[in-house]
Amino acid sequence: MLPRATTAATLEGETLIAVQDTRIVRRTLGAVRSRLGAPPSQDNVTRLTSGDVTEHRSDAEPAPFRAAIDAMHRAQVHPAIEIGPIRPPQRLAPYSYAIGAEVKHADSEQIDEQSDGDAFGRLILLYDPDGAEAWNGTHRLVAYIQADVDESLADDPLLPEVGWSWLVDALESRSEPLNALGGTVTSTSSVRYGDIAGPPKAHQLELRASWTATSEDLSTHVEAFCEVLAYAAGLPPAGITTLGQRSSSRT
């Protein structure tokens, strides 16, 4: 079983940054396109070019940190999930990197920057060469996912437990060792009044989690994160896409 404990102070500090500036996920991914519904094949598995990688990198960055980022870009995820680099936090660790992800529906050519979206999230890599006692390692991952859910699901008292099991199962199924896994799952309902856009009632699931990777191969961690996002959004099983889809969409 995966370790499930972390300090409250560490989790609070890390997940706070994970929920800030969530609109930047949509700004970054707004113009990104993906080949929806394509079956898994070599034709729809692409990689980021060296230019796209170095755009967010520096020669002064430690080799283990650069290797971890390279591994994140090798992840293969559901084709309905738009995924790409976003602005990372600057003060939580000596080095940081972040990706944003959002579910795009097949009937939509492009994501509206001002749209709240049905499901989106961000995954942050924090790297400290000296390690951190609370992390029990040097590579810390911080995840945030938000997804709209229907009323019947929102009323289920087991929803938070089920949401957490999605993450645990996604990580365990990849047999990737990790440390200090902890987080929260929240189910919320809101009612809109007066002159405000949106449905009269809205129900959302929010997952905040952090854990420490024990190796530089973070591709499986990205895939697990996106698998949870797909579950939360109710996506059916489908083909795969990669961070490289972002670069290929520019041409």
C-alpha atoms as a PDB file:
ATOM      1  CA  MET A   1       0.000   0.000   0.000  1.00  0.00           C
ATOM      2  CA  LEU A   2       1.067   3.580  -0.562  1.00  0.00           C
ATOM      3  CA  PRO A   3       2.069   5.738   2.381  1.00  0.00           C
ATOM      4  CA  ARG A   4      -0.745   8.187   3.110  1.00  0.00           C
ATOM      5  CA  ALA A   5       0.610  10.552   5.733  1.00  0.00           C
ATOM      6  CA  THR A   6       2.110  14.006   5.507  1.00  0.00           C
ATOM      7  CA  THR A   7       2.296  16.975   7.822  1.00  0.00           C
ATOM      8  CA  ALA A   8      -0.662  19.346   7.842  1.00  0.00           C
ATOM      9  CA  ALA A   9       1.598  22.388   7.482  1.00  0.00           C
ATOM     10  CA  THR A  10       3.338  20.981   4.424  1.00  0.00           C
ATOM     11  CA  LEU A  11       0.094  20.007   2.719  1.00  0.00           C
ATOM     12  CA  GLU A  12      -1.553  23.339   3.467  1.00  0.00           C
ATOM     13  CA  GLY A  13       1.346  25.324   2.055  1.00  0.00           C
ATOM     14  CA  GLU A  14       1.710  23.236  -1.082  1.00  0.00           C
ATOM     15  CA  THR A  15      -1.953  22.967  -1.996  1.00  0.00           C
ATOM     16  CA  LEU A  16      -2.540  26.663  -1.429  1.00  0.00           C
ATOM     17  CA  ILE A  17      -0.368  27.477  -4.422  1.00  0.00           C
ATOM     18  CA  ALA A  18      -2.055  24.710  -6.400  1.00  0.00           C
ATOM     19  CA  VAL A  19      -5.410  26.491  -6.334  1.00  0.00           C
ATOM     20  CA  GLN A  20      -4.086  29.987  -7.055  1.00  0.00           C
ATOM     21  CA  ASP A  21      -4.320  31.452 -10.556  1.00  0.00           C
ATOM     22  CA  THR A  22      -6.356  28.536 -11.893  1.00  0.00           C
ATOM     23  CA  ARG A  23      -7.411  30.698 -14.818  1.00  0.00           C
ATOM     24  CA  ILE A  24      -3.829  30.570 -16.100  1.00  0.00           C
ATOM     25  CA  VAL A  25      -4.461  26.918 -16.951  1.00  0.00           C
ATOM     26  CA  ARG A  26      -7.174  27.982 -19.365  1.00  0.00           C
ATOM     27  CA  ARG A  27      -5.152  30.906 -20.772  1.00  0.00           C
ATOM     28  CA  THR A  28      -2.237  28.598 -21.533  1.00  0.00           C
ATOM     29  CA  LEU A  29      -4.322  25.807 -22.996  1.00  0.00           C
ATOM     30  CA  GLY A  30      -7.002  27.925 -24.662  1.00  0.00           C
ATOM     31  CA  ALA A  31      -5.559  27.669 -28.181  1.00  0.00           C
ATOM     32  CA  VAL A  32      -4.424  24.072 -27.929  1.00  0.00           C
ATOM     33  CA  ARG A  33      -6.011  21.454 -30.170  1.00  0.00           C
ATOM     34  CA  SER A  34      -6.058  17.674 -29.904  1.00  0.00           C
ATOM     35  CA  ARG A  35      -7.084  14.768 -32.132  1.00  0.00           C
ATOM     36  CA  LEU A  36     -10.016  13.509 -30.110  1.00  0.00           C
ATOM     37  CA  GLY A  37     -10.970   9.874 -30.140  1.00  0.00           C
ATOM     38  CA  ALA A  38      -7.924   8.613 -32.003  1.00  0.00           C
ATOM     39  CA  PRO A  39      -6.922   5.083 -31.004  1.00  0.00           C
ATOM     40  CA  PRO A  40      -3.540   4.520 -29.360  1.00  0.00           C
ATOM     41  CA  SER A  41      -0.922   4.224 -32.078  1.00  0.00           C
ATOM     42  CA  GLN A  42       2.525   5.502 -32.949  1.00  0.00           C
ATOM     43  CA  ASP A  43       0.883   8.106 -35.190  1.00  0.00           C
ATOM     44  CA  ASN A  44      -0.758   9.983 -32.325  1.00  0.00           C
ATOM     45  CA  VAL A  45       2.097   9.696 -29.833  1.00  0.00           C
ATOM     46  CA  THR A  46       4.270  12.791 -30.226  1.00  0.00           C
ATOM     47  CA  ARG A  47       6.931  14.481 -28.114  1.00  0.00           C
ATOM     48  CA  LEU A  48       7.844  18.034 -27.292  1.00  0.00           C
ATOM     49  CA  THR A  49      10.599  19.449 -29.453  1.00  0.00           C
ATOM     50  CA  SER A  50      13.787  20.625 -27.811  1.00  0.00           C
ATOM     51  CA  GLY A  51      12.713  24.221 -28.374  1.00  0.00           C
ATOM     52  CA  ASP A  52       9.521  23.770 -26.389  1.00  0.00           C
ATOM     53  CA  VAL A  53      11.402  22.170 -23.536  1.00  0.00           C
ATOM     54  CA  THR A  54      14.179  24.734 -23.274  1.00  0.00           C
ATOM     55  CA  GLU A  55      11.667  27.571 -23.409  1.00  0.00           C
ATOM     56  CA  HIS A  56      10.854  26.785 -19.799  1.00  0.00           C
ATOM     57  CA  ARG A  57      14.334  25.692 -18.736  1.00  0.00           C
ATOM     58  CA  SER A  58      17.727  27.066 -17.785  1.00  0.00           C
ATOM     59  CA  ASP A  59      21.232  25.647 -18.096  1.00  0.00           C
ATOM     60  CA  ALA A  60      21.699  26.472 -14.419  1.00  0.00           C
ATOM     61  CA  GLU A  61      19.054  23.952 -13.403  1.00  0.00           C
ATOM     62  CA  PRO A  62      20.351  20.727 -11.793  1.00  0.00           C
ATOM     63  CA  ALA A  63      20.478  17.656 -14.006  1.00  0.00           C
ATOM     64  CA  PRO A  64      18.027  15.652 -11.823  1.00  0.00           C
ATOM     65  CA  PHE A  65      15.474  18.459 -12.130  1.00  0.00           C
ATOM     66  CA  ARG A  66      15.877  18.629 -15.915  1.00  0.00           C
ATOM     67  CA  ALA A  67      15.594  14.844 -16.148  1.00  0.00           C
ATOM     68  CA  ALA A  68      12.371  14.926 -14.141  1.00  0.00           C
ATOM     69  CA  ILE A  69      10.874  17.533 -16.484  1.00  0.00           C
ATOM     70  CA  ASP A  70      11.888  15.495 -19.527  1.00  0.00           C
ATOM     71  CA  ALA A  71      10.132  12.493 -18.012  1.00  0.00           C
ATOM     72  CA  MET A  72       6.965  14.514 -17.378  1.00  0.00           C
ATOM     73  CA  HIS A  73       6.888  15.367 -21.080  1.00  0.00           C
ATOM     74  CA  ARG A  74       7.006  11.695 -22.010  1.00  0.00           C
ATOM     75  CA  ALA A  75       3.662  11.032 -20.318  1.00  0.00           C
ATOM     76  CA  GLN A  76       0.863   9.710 -22.525  1.00  0.00           C
ATOM     77  CA  VAL A  77      -2.654  10.701 -21.503  1.00  0.00           C
ATOM     78  CA  HIS A  78      -6.276  10.658 -22.640  1.00  0.00           C
ATOM     79  CA  PRO A  79      -6.673  12.548 -25.960  1.00  0.00           C
ATOM     80  CA  ALA A  80      -9.561  14.622 -24.586  1.00  0.00           C
ATOM     81  CA  ILE A  81      -7.207  16.179 -22.028  1.00  0.00           C
ATOM     82  CA  GLU A  82      -5.340  19.298 -23.115  1.00  0.00           C
ATOM     83  CA  ILE A  83      -2.005  19.441 -21.324  1.00  0.00           C
ATOM     84  CA  GLY A  84       0.926  21.840 -21.370  1.00  0.00           C
ATOM     85  CA  PRO A  85       3.411  23.849 -19.292  1.00  0.00           C
ATOM     86  CA  ILE A  86       2.100  26.733 -17.164  1.00  0.00           C
ATOM     87  CA  ARG A  87       3.690  29.256 -14.815  1.00  0.00           C
ATOM     88  CA  PRO A  88       5.028  27.473 -11.702  1.00  0.00           C
ATOM     89  CA  PRO A  89       5.205  28.862  -8.160  1.00  0.00           C
ATOM     90  CA  GLN A  90       8.503  30.525  -7.277  1.00  0.00           C
ATOM     91  CA  ARG A  91       8.896  30.399  -3.508  1.00  0.00           C
ATOM     92  CA  LEU A  92       7.985  26.895  -2.375  1.00  0.00           C
ATOM     93  CA  ALA A  93      11.254  25.266  -3.442  1.00  0.00           C
ATOM     94  CA  PRO A  94      14.569  26.193  -5.100  1.00  0.00           C
ATOM     95  CA  TYR A  95      13.265  24.817  -8.412  1.00  0.00           C
ATOM     96  CA  SER A  96       9.723  24.314  -9.666  1.00  0.00           C
ATOM     97  CA  TYR A  97       7.851  23.352 -12.810  1.00  0.00           C
ATOM     98  CA  ALA A  98       4.134  23.021 -13.522  1.00  0.00           C
ATOM     99  CA  ILE A  99       1.740  21.632 -16.088  1.00  0.00           C
ATOM    100  CA  GLY A 100      -1.918  22.467 -16.556  1.00  0.00           C
ATOM    101  CA  ALA A 101      -4.579  20.084 -17.797  1.00  0.00           C
ATOM    102  CA  GLU A 102      -8.149  20.610 -18.907  1.00  0.00           C
ATOM    103  CA  VAL A 103     -10.791  18.337 -20.368  1.00  0.00           C
ATOM    104  CA  LYS A 104     -11.933  19.390 -23.810  1.00  0.00           C
ATOM    105  CA  HIS A 105     -15.122  17.959 -25.263  1.00  0.00           C
ATOM    106  CA  ALA A 106     -15.255  16.551 -28.775  1.00  0.00           C
ATOM    107  CA  ASP A 107     -17.928  19.051 -29.883  1.00  0.00           C
ATOM    108  CA  SER A 108     -15.680  22.016 -29.061  1.00  0.00           C
ATOM    109  CA  GLU A 109     -13.029  23.231 -31.510  1.00  0.00           C
ATOM    110  CA  GLN A 110     -11.336  25.412 -28.935  1.00  0.00           C
ATOM    111  CA  ILE A 111     -11.435  26.147 -25.208  1.00  0.00           C
ATOM    112  CA  ASP A 112     -12.782  29.595 -24.338  1.00  0.00           C
ATOM    113  CA  GLU A 113     -10.312  31.483 -22.153  1.00  0.00           C
ATOM    114  CA  GLN A 114     -13.157  32.831 -20.032  1.00  0.00           C
ATOM    115  CA  SER A 115     -14.865  29.467 -19.626  1.00  0.00           C
ATOM    116  CA  ASP A 116     -14.798  27.853 -16.237  1.00  0.00           C
ATOM    117  CA  GLY A 117     -14.477  24.457 -17.906  1.00  0.00           C
ATOM    118  CA  ASP A 118     -15.971  21.175 -16.717  1.00  0.00           C
ATOM    119  CA  ALA A 119     -12.753  19.723 -15.323  1.00  0.00           C
ATOM    120  CA  PHE A 120      -9.237  21.077 -15.009  1.00  0.00           C
ATOM    121  CA  GLY A 121      -6.199  20.811 -12.808  1.00  0.00           C
ATOM    122  CA  ARG A 122      -2.518  21.460 -12.370  1.00  0.00           C
ATOM    123  CA  LEU A 123       0.439  19.359 -11.318  1.00  0.00           C
ATOM    124  CA  ILE A 124       3.454  21.103  -9.795  1.00  0.00           C
ATOM    125  CA  LEU A 125       6.944  19.673  -9.431  1.00  0.00           C
ATOM    126  CA  LEU A 126       8.960  21.083  -6.532  1.00  0.00           C
ATOM    127  CA  TYR A 127      12.642  20.182  -6.430  1.00  0.00           C
ATOM    128  CA  ASP A 128      15.065  20.756  -3.570  1.00  0.00           C
ATOM    129  CA  PRO A 129      18.547  19.250  -4.099  1.00  0.00           C
ATOM    130  CA  ASP A 130      19.052  19.146  -0.332  1.00  0.00           C
ATOM    131  CA  GLY A 131      15.714  17.454   0.271  1.00  0.00           C
ATOM    132  CA  ALA A 132      13.097  18.438   2.818  1.00  0.00           C
ATOM    133  CA  GLU A 133      12.338  16.580   6.025  1.00  0.00           C
ATOM    134  CA  ALA A 134       8.588  16.704   5.471  1.00  0.00           C
ATOM    135  CA  TRP A 135       9.000  15.450   1.904  1.00  0.00           C
ATOM    136  CA  ASN A 136      11.271  12.518   2.686  1.00  0.00           C
ATOM    137  CA  GLY A 137      12.911  13.106  -0.688  1.00  0.00           C
ATOM    138  CA  THR A 138      13.897  15.744  -3.244  1.00  0.00           C
ATOM    139  CA  HIS A 139      11.057  15.634  -5.817  1.00  0.00           C
ATOM    140  CA  ARG A 140       7.679  16.743  -4.454  1.00  0.00           C
ATOM    141  CA  LEU A 141       4.526  16.703  -6.592  1.00  0.00           C
ATOM    142  CA  VAL A 142       1.520  18.870  -5.760  1.00  0.00           C
ATOM    143  CA  ALA A 143      -1.789  18.201  -7.524  1.00  0.00           C
ATOM    144  CA  TYR A 144      -5.055  20.086  -7.745  1.00  0.00           C
ATOM    145  CA  ILE A 145      -8.129  18.892  -9.645  1.00  0.00           C
ATOM    146  CA  GLN A 146     -11.564  20.484  -9.933  1.00  0.00           C
ATOM    147  CA  ALA A 147     -14.466  18.910 -11.805  1.00  0.00           C
ATOM    148  CA  ASP A 148     -18.179  19.534 -12.151  1.00  0.00           C
ATOM    149  CA  VAL A 149     -20.338  16.622 -11.011  1.00  0.00           C
ATOM    150  CA  ASP A 150     -24.052  15.994 -11.241  1.00  0.00           C
ATOM    151  CA  GLU A 151     -26.347  16.472  -8.257  1.00  0.00           C
ATOM    152  CA  SER A 152     -26.870  12.779  -7.551  1.00  0.00           C
ATOM    153  CA  LEU A 153     -23.132  12.193  -7.334  1.00  0.00           C
ATOM    154  CA  ALA A 154     -22.560  15.320  -5.257  1.00  0.00           C
ATOM    155  CA  ASP A 155     -25.113  14.110  -2.698  1.00  0.00           C
ATOM    156  CA  ASP A 156     -23.333  10.772  -2.243  1.00  0.00           C
ATOM    157  CA  PRO A 157     -21.553  10.833   1.142  1.00  0.00           C
ATOM    158  CA  LEU A 158     -18.954   8.417  -0.224  1.00  0.00           C
ATOM    159  CA  LEU A 159     -17.873  10.771  -3.026  1.00  0.00           C
ATOM    160  CA  PRO A 160     -14.771  12.105  -1.211  1.00  0.00           C
ATOM    161  CA  GLU A 161     -13.655   8.578  -0.357  1.00  0.00           C
ATOM    162  CA  VAL A 162     -14.184   7.453  -3.937  1.00  0.00           C
ATOM    163  CA  GLY A 163     -12.331  10.486  -5.283  1.00  0.00           C
ATOM    164  CA  TRP A 164      -9.328   9.744  -3.078  1.00  0.00           C
ATOM    165  CA  SER A 165      -9.356   6.096  -4.121  1.00  0.00           C
ATOM    166  CA  TRP A 166      -9.029   7.216  -7.746  1.00  0.00           C
ATOM    167  CA  LEU A 167      -5.685   8.823  -6.960  1.00  0.00           C
ATOM    168  CA  VAL A 168      -4.411   5.983  -4.781  1.00  0.00           C
ATOM    169  CA  ASP A 169      -5.405   3.361  -7.346  1.00  0.00           C
ATOM    170  CA  ALA A 170      -3.927   5.347 -10.250  1.00  0.00           C
ATOM    171  CA  LEU A 171      -0.584   5.611  -8.474  1.00  0.00           C
ATOM    172  CA  GLU A 172      -0.577   2.028  -7.190  1.00  0.00           C
ATOM    173  CA  SER A 173      -1.450   0.583 -10.600  1.00  0.00           C
ATOM    174  CA  ARG A 174       1.789   1.994 -11.984  1.00  0.00           C
ATOM    175  CA  SER A 175       3.864   0.417  -9.200  1.00  0.00           C
ATOM    176  CA  GLU A 176       5.901   3.590  -8.801  1.00  0.00           C
ATOM    177  CA  PRO A 177       7.265   3.950  -5.230  1.00  0.00           C
ATOM    178  CA  LEU A 178       6.462   7.214  -3.473  1.00  0.00           C
ATOM    179  CA  ASN A 179       6.501   8.770  -0.007  1.00  0.00           C
ATOM    180  CA  ALA A 180       4.385  11.060   2.172  1.00  0.00           C
ATOM    181  CA  LEU A 181       1.142  10.959   0.201  1.00  0.00           C
ATOM    182  CA  GLY A 182      -1.558  13.145   1.697  1.00  0.00           C
ATOM    183  CA  GLY A 183      -4.447  15.296   0.616  1.00  0.00           C
ATOM    184  CA  THR A 184      -8.074  16.305   0.848  1.00  0.00           C
ATOM    185  CA  VAL A 185     -11.168  15.727  -1.273  1.00  0.00           C
ATOM    186  CA  THR A 186     -14.026  18.209  -1.050  1.00  0.00           C
ATOM    187  CA  SER A 187     -17.521  18.083  -2.511  1.00  0.00           C
ATOM    188  CA  THR A 188     -19.191  21.483  -2.819  1.00  0.00           C
ATOM    189  CA  SER A 189     -22.560  22.790  -3.987  1.00  0.00           C
ATOM    190  CA  SER A 190     -23.397  26.376  -4.873  1.00  0.00           C
ATOM    191  CA  VAL A 191     -26.576  28.246  -5.821  1.00  0.00           C
ATOM    192  CA  ARG A 192     -26.464  31.319  -8.066  1.00  0.00           C
ATOM    193  CA  TYR A 193     -28.768  34.294  -7.446  1.00  0.00           C
ATOM    194  CA  GLY A 194     -29.466  37.451  -9.372  1.00  0.00           C
ATOM    195  CA  ASP A 195     -27.676  38.556 -12.527  1.00  0.00           C
ATOM    196  CA  ILE A 196     -24.836  36.047 -12.697  1.00  0.00           C
ATOM    197  CA  ALA A 197     -23.896  33.692 -15.496  1.00  0.00           C
ATOM    198  CA  GLY A 198     -24.001  29.945 -15.102  1.00  0.00           C
ATOM    199  CA  PRO A 199     -26.490  27.281 -14.090  1.00  0.00           C
ATOM    200  CA  PRO A 200     -28.757  27.940 -11.071  1.00  0.00           C
ATOM    201  CA  LYS A 201     -27.013  25.154  -9.165  1.00  0.00           C
ATOM    202  CA  ALA A 202     -23.486  23.801  -9.490  1.00  0.00           C
ATOM    203  CA  HIS A 203     -21.761  20.865  -7.841  1.00  0.00           C
ATOM    204  CA  GLN A 204     -18.022  20.337  -7.845  1.00  0.00           C
ATOM    205  CA  LEU A 205     -15.427  17.873  -6.688  1.00  0.00           C
ATOM    206  CA  GLU A 206     -12.034  19.222  -5.631  1.00  0.00           C
ATOM    207  CA  LEU A 207      -8.975  17.093  -4.937  1.00  0.00           C
ATOM    208  CA  ARG A 208      -5.776  18.476  -3.423  1.00  0.00           C
ATOM    209  CA  ALA A 209      -2.867  16.141  -2.878  1.00  0.00           C
ATOM    210  CA  SER A 210       0.901  16.018  -2.631  1.00  0.00           C
ATOM    211  CA  TRP A 211       3.446  13.225  -2.574  1.00  0.00           C
ATOM    212  CA  THR A 212       7.168  12.622  -3.014  1.00  0.00           C
ATOM    213  CA  ALA A 213       8.513  10.732  -6.009  1.00  0.00           C
ATOM    214  CA  THR A 214      11.448   8.439  -5.325  1.00  0.00           C
ATOM    215  CA  SER A 215      12.891   8.607  -8.848  1.00  0.00           C
ATOM    216  CA  GLU A 216      13.289  11.112 -11.672  1.00  0.00           C
ATOM    217  CA  ASP A 217      10.906   9.206 -13.950  1.00  0.00           C
ATOM    218  CA  LEU A 218       7.773  11.287 -13.407  1.00  0.00           C
ATOM    219  CA  SER A 219       5.947  10.214 -16.564  1.00  0.00           C
ATOM    220  CA  THR A 220       3.820   7.725 -14.648  1.00  0.00           C
ATOM    221  CA  HIS A 221       2.955  10.361 -12.050  1.00  0.00           C
ATOM    222  CA  VAL A 222       1.645  12.673 -14.774  1.00  0.00           C
ATOM    223  CA  GLU A 223      -0.315   9.798 -16.270  1.00  0.00           C
ATOM    224  CA  ALA A 224      -1.826   8.960 -12.874  1.00  0.00           C
ATOM    225  CA  PHE A 225      -2.779  12.607 -12.323  1.00  0.00           C
ATOM    226  CA  CYS A 226      -4.492  12.791 -15.724  1.00  0.00           C
ATOM    227  CA  GLU A 227      -6.215   9.477 -15.103  1.00  0.00           C
ATOM    228  CA  VAL A 228      -7.829  10.958 -11.995  1.00  0.00           C
ATOM    229  CA  LEU A 229      -8.866  14.026 -13.997  1.00  0.00           C
ATOM    230  CA  ALA A 230     -10.435  11.741 -16.600  1.00  0.00           C
ATOM    231  CA  TYR A 231     -12.316   9.818 -13.904  1.00  0.00           C
ATOM    232  CA  ALA A 232     -13.565  13.035 -12.316  1.00  0.00           C
ATOM    233  CA  ALA A 233     -14.758  14.316 -15.689  1.00  0.00           C
ATOM    234  CA  GLY A 234     -16.450  11.017 -16.535  1.00  0.00           C
ATOM    235  CA  LEU A 235     -14.398  10.469 -19.682  1.00  0.00           C
ATOM    236  CA  PRO A 236     -14.721   7.069 -21.358  1.00  0.00           C
ATOM    237  CA  PRO A 237     -11.554   5.084 -22.098  1.00  0.00           C
ATOM    238  CA  ALA A 238      -9.960   6.298 -25.301  1.00  0.00           C
ATOM    239  CA  GLY A 239      -6.661   6.837 -27.078  1.00  0.00           C
ATOM    240  CA  ILE A 240      -3.717   8.776 -25.773  1.00  0.00           C
ATOM    241  CA  THR A 241      -2.064  12.116 -26.341  1.00  0.00           C
ATOM    242  CA  THR A 242       1.047  13.719 -24.908  1.00  0.00           C
ATOM    243  CA  LEU A 243       2.458  17.086 -23.966  1.00  0.00           C
ATOM    244  CA  GLY A 244       3.856  17.060 -27.476  1.00  0.00           C
ATOM    245  CA  GLN A 245       0.363  17.611 -28.881  1.00  0.00           C
ATOM    246  CA  ARG A 246       0.755  21.175 -27.655  1.00  0.00           C
ATOM    247  CA  SER A 247       3.715  21.835 -29.908  1.00  0.00           C
ATOM    248  CA  SER A 248       2.276  20.029 -32.931  1.00  0.00           C
ATOM    249  CA  SER A 249      -0.903  22.112 -32.710  1.00  0.00           C
ATOM    250  CA  ARG A 250       1.118  25.257 -33.459  1.00  0.00           C
ATOM    251  CA  THR A 251       2.055  24.105 -36.924  1.00  0.00           C
END
